[in-house]
Amino acid sequence: MFNGYIILEDHILTFNTVNREVSYSITDNLTGDTANMRVPLSAFTKALAIAVHIDGLPSYKKDYPEAESVMPSNRNLRWIPE
């Protein structure tokens, strides 16, 4: 299990894991918009790898569809590049 928060530019990502799921919230510090999601751990970790690794490497092309599946519907709260 891992829990934490990460500041990604103008967003704060707060997360905690339970079994094979992650509950997370993402907040836009400029607008105050927030989304809360409960997603599969495997998809979340792929999104996290894309978000924090330079150029989304090493497997961003293969992992992107699953990573995108855990993004909020509000486009302003996306935390991986489009």
PDB file of N, CA and C in Angstrom:
ATOM      1  N   MET A   1       0.843  -1.171   0.000  1.00  0.00           N
ATOM      2  CA  MET A   1       0.000   0.000   0.000  1.00  0.00           C
ATOM      3  C   MET A   1       0.888   1.233   0.000  1.00  0.00           C
ATOM      4  N   PHE A   2       0.486   2.241  -0.796  1.00  0.00           N
ATOM      5  CA  PHE A   2       1.187   3.508  -0.743  1.00  0.00           C
ATOM      6  C   PHE A   2       0.178   4.641  -0.821  1.00  0.00           C
ATOM      7  N   ASN A   3       0.520   5.725  -0.182  1.00  0.00           N
ATOM      8  CA  ASN A   3      -0.322   6.906  -0.093  1.00  0.00           C
ATOM      9  C   ASN A   3       0.560   8.126  -0.266  1.00  0.00           C
ATOM     10  N   GLY A   4      -0.022   9.230  -0.701  1.00  0.00           N
ATOM     11  CA  GLY A   4       0.780  10.431  -0.795  1.00  0.00           C
ATOM     12  C   GLY A   4       0.116  11.528  -1.576  1.00  0.00           C
ATOM     13  N   TYR A   5       0.921  12.531  -1.869  1.00  0.00           N
ATOM     14  CA  TYR A   5       0.459  13.610  -2.728  1.00  0.00           C
ATOM     15  C   TYR A   5       1.632  14.085  -3.565  1.00  0.00           C
ATOM     16  N   ILE A   6       1.291  14.583  -4.726  1.00  0.00           N
ATOM     17  CA  ILE A   6       2.280  15.065  -5.675  1.00  0.00           C
ATOM     18  C   ILE A   6       1.762  16.383  -6.237  1.00  0.00           C
ATOM     19  N   ILE A   7       2.643  17.340  -6.342  1.00  0.00           N
ATOM     20  CA  ILE A   7       2.293  18.602  -6.980  1.00  0.00           C
ATOM     21  C   ILE A   7       2.798  18.540  -8.414  1.00  0.00           C
ATOM     22  N   LEU A   8       1.880  18.660  -9.354  1.00  0.00           N
ATOM     23  CA  LEU A   8       2.182  18.619 -10.783  1.00  0.00           C
ATOM     24  C   LEU A   8       1.774  19.963 -11.388  1.00  0.00           C
ATOM     25  N   GLU A   9       2.719  20.852 -11.544  1.00  0.00           N
ATOM     26  CA  GLU A   9       2.467  22.199 -12.039  1.00  0.00           C
ATOM     27  C   GLU A   9       1.395  22.862 -11.193  1.00  0.00           C
ATOM     28  N   ASP A  10       0.213  23.104 -11.751  1.00  0.00           N
ATOM     29  CA  ASP A  10      -0.846  23.801 -11.020  1.00  0.00           C
ATOM     30  C   ASP A  10      -1.850  22.861 -10.372  1.00  0.00           C
ATOM     31  N   HIS A  11      -1.525  21.572 -10.300  1.00  0.00           N
ATOM     32  CA  HIS A  11      -2.433  20.568  -9.756  1.00  0.00           C
ATOM     33  C   HIS A  11      -1.822  19.876  -8.543  1.00  0.00           C
ATOM     34  N   ILE A  12      -2.676  19.488  -7.624  1.00  0.00           N
ATOM     35  CA  ILE A  12      -2.264  18.652  -6.498  1.00  0.00           C
ATOM     36  C   ILE A  12      -3.016  17.330  -6.626  1.00  0.00           C
ATOM     37  N   LEU A  13      -2.259  16.246  -6.648  1.00  0.00           N
ATOM     38  CA  LEU A  13      -2.798  14.898  -6.742  1.00  0.00           C
ATOM     39  C   LEU A  13      -2.596  14.231  -5.392  1.00  0.00           C
ATOM     40  N   THR A  14      -3.687  13.853  -4.732  1.00  0.00           N
ATOM     41  CA  THR A  14      -3.638  13.174  -3.442  1.00  0.00           C
ATOM     42  C   THR A  14      -4.220  11.786  -3.643  1.00  0.00           C
ATOM     43  N   PHE A  15      -3.536  10.760  -3.138  1.00  0.00           N
ATOM     44  CA  PHE A  15      -3.988   9.398  -3.421  1.00  0.00           C
ATOM     45  C   PHE A  15      -3.723   8.460  -2.265  1.00  0.00           C
ATOM     46  N   ASN A  16      -4.519   7.393  -2.205  1.00  0.00           N
ATOM     47  CA  ASN A  16      -4.265   6.283  -1.288  1.00  0.00           C
ATOM     48  C   ASN A  16      -4.757   4.996  -1.937  1.00  0.00           C
ATOM     49  N   THR A  17      -4.078   3.927  -1.619  1.00  0.00           N
ATOM     50  CA  THR A  17      -4.401   2.638  -2.212  1.00  0.00           C
ATOM     51  C   THR A  17      -5.113   1.753  -1.202  1.00  0.00           C
ATOM     52  N   VAL A  18      -6.031   0.954  -1.718  1.00  0.00           N
ATOM     53  CA  VAL A  18      -6.722  -0.060  -0.935  1.00  0.00           C
ATOM     54  C   VAL A  18      -6.831  -1.274  -1.838  1.00  0.00           C
ATOM     55  N   ASN A  19      -6.183  -2.351  -1.444  1.00  0.00           N
ATOM     56  CA  ASN A  19      -6.122  -3.555  -2.266  1.00  0.00           C
ATOM     57  C   ASN A  19      -5.551  -3.209  -3.634  1.00  0.00           C
ATOM     58  N   ARG A  20      -6.302  -3.420  -4.676  1.00  0.00           N
ATOM     59  CA  ARG A  20      -5.806  -3.142  -6.031  1.00  0.00           C
ATOM     60  C   ARG A  20      -6.495  -1.923  -6.649  1.00  0.00           C
ATOM     61  N   GLU A  21      -6.947  -1.021  -5.794  1.00  0.00           N
ATOM     62  CA  GLU A  21      -7.586   0.204  -6.263  1.00  0.00           C
ATOM     63  C   GLU A  21      -6.921   1.420  -5.638  1.00  0.00           C
ATOM     64  N   VAL A  22      -7.088   2.547  -6.308  1.00  0.00           N
ATOM     65  CA  VAL A  22      -6.575   3.817  -5.810  1.00  0.00           C
ATOM     66  C   VAL A  22      -7.732   4.797  -5.752  1.00  0.00           C
ATOM     67  N   SER A  23      -7.869   5.440  -4.615  1.00  0.00           N
ATOM     68  CA  SER A  23      -8.785   6.572  -4.507  1.00  0.00           C
ATOM     69  C   SER A  23      -7.922   7.814  -4.598  1.00  0.00           C
ATOM     70  N   TYR A  24      -8.276   8.715  -5.515  1.00  0.00           N
ATOM     71  CA  TYR A  24      -7.473   9.916  -5.624  1.00  0.00           C
ATOM     72  C   TYR A  24      -8.348  11.131  -5.848  1.00  0.00           C
ATOM     73  N   SER A  25      -7.786  12.271  -5.483  1.00  0.00           N
ATOM     74  CA  SER A  25      -8.408  13.543  -5.807  1.00  0.00           C
ATOM     75  C   SER A  25      -7.370  14.387  -6.522  1.00  0.00           C
ATOM     76  N   ILE A  26      -7.841  15.150  -7.460  1.00  0.00           N
ATOM     77  CA  ILE A  26      -6.984  16.066  -8.206  1.00  0.00           C
ATOM     78  C   ILE A  26      -7.625  17.444  -8.099  1.00  0.00           C
ATOM     79  N   THR A  27      -6.812  18.440  -7.762  1.00  0.00           N
ATOM     80  CA  THR A  27      -7.300  19.798  -7.579  1.00  0.00           C
ATOM     81  C   THR A  27      -6.479  20.746  -8.435  1.00  0.00           C
ATOM     82  N   ASP A  28      -7.162  21.610  -9.162  1.00  0.00           N
ATOM     83  CA  ASP A  28      -6.512  22.672  -9.922  1.00  0.00           C
ATOM     84  C   ASP A  28      -6.373  23.861  -8.981  1.00  0.00           C
ATOM     85  N   ASN A  29      -5.151  24.234  -8.671  1.00  0.00           N
ATOM     86  CA  ASN A  29      -4.913  25.323  -7.723  1.00  0.00           C
ATOM     87  C   ASN A  29      -5.325  26.685  -8.257  1.00  0.00           C
ATOM     88  N   LEU A  30      -5.452  26.837  -9.557  1.00  0.00           N
ATOM     89  CA  LEU A  30      -5.837  28.126 -10.127  1.00  0.00           C
ATOM     90  C   LEU A  30      -7.344  28.327 -10.127  1.00  0.00           C
ATOM     91  N   THR A  31      -8.099  27.269 -10.442  1.00  0.00           N
ATOM     92  CA  THR A  31      -9.554  27.406 -10.544  1.00  0.00           C
ATOM     93  C   THR A  31     -10.297  26.866  -9.329  1.00  0.00           C
ATOM     94  N   GLY A  32      -9.647  25.984  -8.569  1.00  0.00           N
ATOM     95  CA  GLY A  32     -10.307  25.338  -7.448  1.00  0.00           C
ATOM     96  C   GLY A  32     -11.104  24.110  -7.838  1.00  0.00           C
ATOM     97  N   ASP A  33     -11.133  23.781  -9.136  1.00  0.00           N
ATOM     98  CA  ASP A  33     -11.842  22.580  -9.588  1.00  0.00           C
ATOM     99  C   ASP A  33     -11.223  21.342  -8.953  1.00  0.00           C
ATOM    100  N   THR A  34     -12.070  20.387  -8.592  1.00  0.00           N
ATOM    101  CA  THR A  34     -11.614  19.154  -7.965  1.00  0.00           C
ATOM    102  C   THR A  34     -12.410  17.981  -8.522  1.00  0.00           C
ATOM    103  N   ALA A  35     -11.731  16.841  -8.638  1.00  0.00           N
ATOM    104  CA  ALA A  35     -12.402  15.593  -8.999  1.00  0.00           C
ATOM    105  C   ALA A  35     -11.910  14.510  -8.066  1.00  0.00           C
ATOM    106  N   ASN A  36     -12.797  13.587  -7.732  1.00  0.00           N
ATOM    107  CA  ASN A  36     -12.454  12.430  -6.911  1.00  0.00           C
ATOM    108  C   ASN A  36     -12.725  11.184  -7.742  1.00  0.00           C
ATOM    109  N   MET A  37     -11.759  10.284  -7.744  1.00  0.00           N
ATOM    110  CA  MET A  37     -11.864   9.086  -8.576  1.00  0.00           C
ATOM    111  C   MET A  37     -11.452   7.868  -7.770  1.00  0.00           C
ATOM    112  N   ARG A  38     -12.021   6.727  -8.134  1.00  0.00           N
ATOM    113  CA  ARG A  38     -11.590   5.419  -7.619  1.00  0.00           C
ATOM    114  C   ARG A  38     -11.293   4.572  -8.846  1.00  0.00           C
ATOM    115  N   VAL A  39     -10.023   4.155  -8.990  1.00  0.00           N
ATOM    116  CA  VAL A  39      -9.563   3.546 -10.240  1.00  0.00           C
ATOM    117  C   VAL A  39      -8.679   2.338  -9.956  1.00  0.00           C
ATOM    118  N   PRO A  40      -8.465   1.489 -10.961  1.00  0.00           N
ATOM    119  CA  PRO A  40      -7.564   0.347 -10.774  1.00  0.00           C
ATOM    120  C   PRO A  40      -6.116   0.807 -10.535  1.00  0.00           C
ATOM    121  N   LEU A  41      -5.449   0.128  -9.630  1.00  0.00           N
ATOM    122  CA  LEU A  41      -4.072   0.468  -9.288  1.00  0.00           C
ATOM    123  C   LEU A  41      -3.153   0.407 -10.502  1.00  0.00           C
ATOM    124  N   SER A  42      -3.300  -0.609 -11.340  1.00  0.00           N
ATOM    125  CA  SER A  42      -2.405  -0.757 -12.488  1.00  0.00           C
ATOM    126  C   SER A  42      -2.524   0.428 -13.441  1.00  0.00           C
ATOM    127  N   ALA A  43      -3.725   0.904 -13.706  1.00  0.00           N
ATOM    128  CA  ALA A  43      -3.911   2.044 -14.598  1.00  0.00           C
ATOM    129  C   ALA A  43      -3.386   3.326 -13.963  1.00  0.00           C
ATOM    130  N   PHE A  44      -3.601   3.481 -12.661  1.00  0.00           N
ATOM    131  CA  PHE A  44      -3.109   4.666 -11.957  1.00  0.00           C
ATOM    132  C   PHE A  44      -1.590   4.744 -12.009  1.00  0.00           C
ATOM    133  N   THR A  45      -0.915   3.628 -11.765  1.00  0.00           N
ATOM    134  CA  THR A  45       0.555   3.658 -11.763  1.00  0.00           C
ATOM    135  C   THR A  45       1.101   3.930 -13.162  1.00  0.00           C
ATOM    136  N   LYS A  46       0.409   3.487 -14.191  1.00  0.00           N
ATOM    137  CA  LYS A  46       0.833   3.820 -15.556  1.00  0.00           C
ATOM    138  C   LYS A  46       0.678   5.310 -15.804  1.00  0.00           C
ATOM    139  N   ALA A  47      -0.426   5.892 -15.363  1.00  0.00           N
ATOM    140  CA  ALA A  47      -0.618   7.339 -15.505  1.00  0.00           C
ATOM    141  C   ALA A  47       0.431   8.098 -14.709  1.00  0.00           C
ATOM    142  N   LEU A  48       0.717   7.646 -13.515  1.00  0.00           N
ATOM    143  CA  LEU A  48       1.715   8.304 -12.681  1.00  0.00           C
ATOM    144  C   LEU A  48       3.096   8.259 -13.340  1.00  0.00           C
ATOM    145  N   ALA A  49       3.445   7.129 -13.923  1.00  0.00           N
ATOM    146  CA  ALA A  49       4.739   7.008 -14.611  1.00  0.00           C
ATOM    147  C   ALA A  49       4.821   7.990 -15.776  1.00  0.00           C
ATOM    148  N   ILE A  50       3.740   8.112 -16.522  1.00  0.00           N
ATOM    149  CA  ILE A  50       3.720   9.052 -17.645  1.00  0.00           C
ATOM    150  C   ILE A  50       3.833  10.486 -17.144  1.00  0.00           C
ATOM    151  N   ALA A  51       3.145  10.797 -16.056  1.00  0.00           N
ATOM    152  CA  ALA A  51       3.132  12.161 -15.538  1.00  0.00           C
ATOM    153  C   ALA A  51       4.488  12.616 -15.009  1.00  0.00           C
ATOM    154  N   VAL A  52       5.218  11.726 -14.370  1.00  0.00           N
ATOM    155  CA  VAL A  52       6.451  12.162 -13.703  1.00  0.00           C
ATOM    156  C   VAL A  52       7.725  11.855 -14.474  1.00  0.00           C
ATOM    157  N   HIS A  53       7.652  11.022 -15.485  1.00  0.00           N
ATOM    158  CA  HIS A  53       8.862  10.653 -16.219  1.00  0.00           C
ATOM    159  C   HIS A  53       9.047  11.569 -17.417  1.00  0.00           C
ATOM    160  N   ILE A  54      10.259  11.980 -17.644  1.00  0.00           N
ATOM    161  CA  ILE A  54      10.551  12.852 -18.776  1.00  0.00           C
ATOM    162  C   ILE A  54      10.072  12.201 -20.074  1.00  0.00           C
ATOM    163  N   ASP A  55       9.332  12.961 -20.847  1.00  0.00           N
ATOM    164  CA  ASP A  55       8.787  12.496 -22.122  1.00  0.00           C
ATOM    165  C   ASP A  55       7.893  11.269 -21.996  1.00  0.00           C
ATOM    166  N   GLY A  56       7.397  10.951 -20.804  1.00  0.00           N
ATOM    167  CA  GLY A  56       6.486   9.829 -20.622  1.00  0.00           C
ATOM    168  C   GLY A  56       7.111   8.465 -20.811  1.00  0.00           C
ATOM    169  N   LEU A  57       8.405   8.407 -20.869  1.00  0.00           N
ATOM    170  CA  LEU A  57       9.085   7.131 -21.090  1.00  0.00           C
ATOM    171  C   LEU A  57       9.031   6.280 -19.831  1.00  0.00           C
ATOM    172  N   PRO A  58       9.230   5.017 -19.860  1.00  0.00           N
ATOM    173  CA  PRO A  58       9.702   4.202 -20.975  1.00  0.00           C
ATOM    174  C   PRO A  58       8.597   3.596 -21.832  1.00  0.00           C
ATOM    175  N   SER A  59       7.371   3.466 -21.347  1.00  0.00           N
ATOM    176  CA  SER A  59       6.352   2.712 -22.096  1.00  0.00           C
ATOM    177  C   SER A  59       5.106   3.542 -22.381  1.00  0.00           C
ATOM    178  N   TYR A  60       5.264   4.836 -22.591  1.00  0.00           N
ATOM    179  CA  TYR A  60       4.072   5.667 -22.674  1.00  0.00           C
ATOM    180  C   TYR A  60       3.160   5.309 -23.847  1.00  0.00           C
ATOM    181  N   LYS A  61       3.697   4.911 -24.981  1.00  0.00           N
ATOM    182  CA  LYS A  61       2.839   4.574 -26.123  1.00  0.00           C
ATOM    183  C   LYS A  61       1.959   3.368 -25.814  1.00  0.00           C
ATOM    184  N   LYS A  62       2.537   2.370 -25.184  1.00  0.00           N
ATOM    185  CA  LYS A  62       1.788   1.160 -24.830  1.00  0.00           C
ATOM    186  C   LYS A  62       0.832   1.425 -23.667  1.00  0.00           C
ATOM    187  N   ASP A  63       1.267   2.223 -22.693  1.00  0.00           N
ATOM    188  CA  ASP A  63       0.501   2.445 -21.463  1.00  0.00           C
ATOM    189  C   ASP A  63      -0.525   3.568 -21.550  1.00  0.00           C
ATOM    190  N   TYR A  64      -0.436   4.417 -22.559  1.00  0.00           N
ATOM    191  CA  TYR A  64      -1.269   5.611 -22.605  1.00  0.00           C
ATOM    192  C   TYR A  64      -2.778   5.326 -22.571  1.00  0.00           C
ATOM    193  N   PRO A  65      -3.297   4.391 -23.360  1.00  0.00           N
ATOM    194  CA  PRO A  65      -4.753   4.172 -23.315  1.00  0.00           C
ATOM    195  C   PRO A  65      -5.270   3.817 -21.915  1.00  0.00           C
ATOM    196  N   GLU A  66      -4.547   2.970 -21.210  1.00  0.00           N
ATOM    197  CA  GLU A  66      -4.989   2.612 -19.857  1.00  0.00           C
ATOM    198  C   GLU A  66      -4.819   3.787 -18.902  1.00  0.00           C
ATOM    199  N   ALA A  67      -3.740   4.538 -19.053  1.00  0.00           N
ATOM    200  CA  ALA A  67      -3.517   5.712 -18.207  1.00  0.00           C
ATOM    201  C   ALA A  67      -4.602   6.757 -18.439  1.00  0.00           C
ATOM    202  N   GLU A  68      -4.980   6.940 -19.686  1.00  0.00           N
ATOM    203  CA  GLU A  68      -6.013   7.923 -20.003  1.00  0.00           C
ATOM    204  C   GLU A  68      -7.372   7.536 -19.412  1.00  0.00           C
ATOM    205  N   SER A  69      -7.593   6.249 -19.223  1.00  0.00           N
ATOM    206  CA  SER A  69      -8.874   5.790 -18.681  1.00  0.00           C
ATOM    207  C   SER A  69      -9.113   6.240 -17.241  1.00  0.00           C
ATOM    208  N   VAL A  70      -8.081   6.677 -16.540  1.00  0.00           N
ATOM    209  CA  VAL A  70      -8.242   7.108 -15.146  1.00  0.00           C
ATOM    210  C   VAL A  70      -8.213   8.633 -14.998  1.00  0.00           C
ATOM    211  N   MET A  71      -8.281   9.351 -16.129  1.00  0.00           N
ATOM    212  CA  MET A  71      -8.315  10.811 -16.080  1.00  0.00           C
ATOM    213  C   MET A  71      -9.745  11.280 -15.824  1.00  0.00           C
ATOM    214  N   PRO A  72      -9.891  12.381 -15.088  1.00  0.00           N
ATOM    215  CA  PRO A  72     -11.230  12.932 -14.847  1.00  0.00           C
ATOM    216  C   PRO A  72     -11.877  13.407 -16.148  1.00  0.00           C
ATOM    217  N   SER A  73     -13.191  13.478 -16.165  1.00  0.00           N
ATOM    218  CA  SER A  73     -13.900  13.955 -17.351  1.00  0.00           C
ATOM    219  C   SER A  73     -13.657  15.445 -17.590  1.00  0.00           C
ATOM    220  N   ASN A  74     -13.376  16.204 -16.542  1.00  0.00           N
ATOM    221  CA  ASN A  74     -13.046  17.629 -16.675  1.00  0.00           C
ATOM    222  C   ASN A  74     -11.652  17.739 -17.288  1.00  0.00           C
ATOM    223  N   ARG A  75     -11.557  18.216 -18.525  1.00  0.00           N
ATOM    224  CA  ARG A  75     -10.281  18.279 -19.247  1.00  0.00           C
ATOM    225  C   ARG A  75      -9.252  19.147 -18.522  1.00  0.00           C
ATOM    226  N   ASN A  76      -9.693  20.121 -17.725  1.00  0.00           N
ATOM    227  CA  ASN A  76      -8.765  20.974 -16.980  1.00  0.00           C
ATOM    228  C   ASN A  76      -8.070  20.236 -15.855  1.00  0.00           C
ATOM    229  N   LEU A  77      -8.583  19.079 -15.475  1.00  0.00           N
ATOM    230  CA  LEU A  77      -8.006  18.322 -14.361  1.00  0.00           C
ATOM    231  C   LEU A  77      -7.157  17.147 -14.830  1.00  0.00           C
ATOM    232  N   ARG A  78      -6.949  17.011 -16.124  1.00  0.00           N
ATOM    233  CA  ARG A  78      -6.066  15.952 -16.629  1.00  0.00           C
ATOM    234  C   ARG A  78      -4.671  16.164 -16.070  1.00  0.00           C
ATOM    235  N   TRP A  79      -4.025  15.081 -15.712  1.00  0.00           N
ATOM    236  CA  TRP A  79      -2.677  15.206 -15.168  1.00  0.00           C
ATOM    237  C   TRP A  79      -1.646  14.413 -15.955  1.00  0.00           C
ATOM    238  N   ILE A  80      -2.023  13.943 -17.143  1.00  0.00           N
ATOM    239  CA  ILE A  80      -1.050  13.417 -18.104  1.00  0.00           C
ATOM    240  C   ILE A  80      -1.197  14.253 -19.371  1.00  0.00           C
ATOM    241  N   PRO A  81      -0.143  14.344 -20.175  1.00  0.00           N
ATOM    242  CA  PRO A  81      -0.245  15.140 -21.403  1.00  0.00           C
ATOM    243  C   PRO A  81      -1.185  14.484 -22.414  1.00  0.00           C
ATOM    244  N   GLU A  82      -1.809  15.328 -23.225  1.00  0.00           N
ATOM    245  CA  GLU A  82      -2.696  14.806 -24.274  1.00  0.00           C
ATOM    246  C   GLU A  82      -1.916  14.437 -25.499  1.00  0.00           C
TER     247      GLU A  82
END
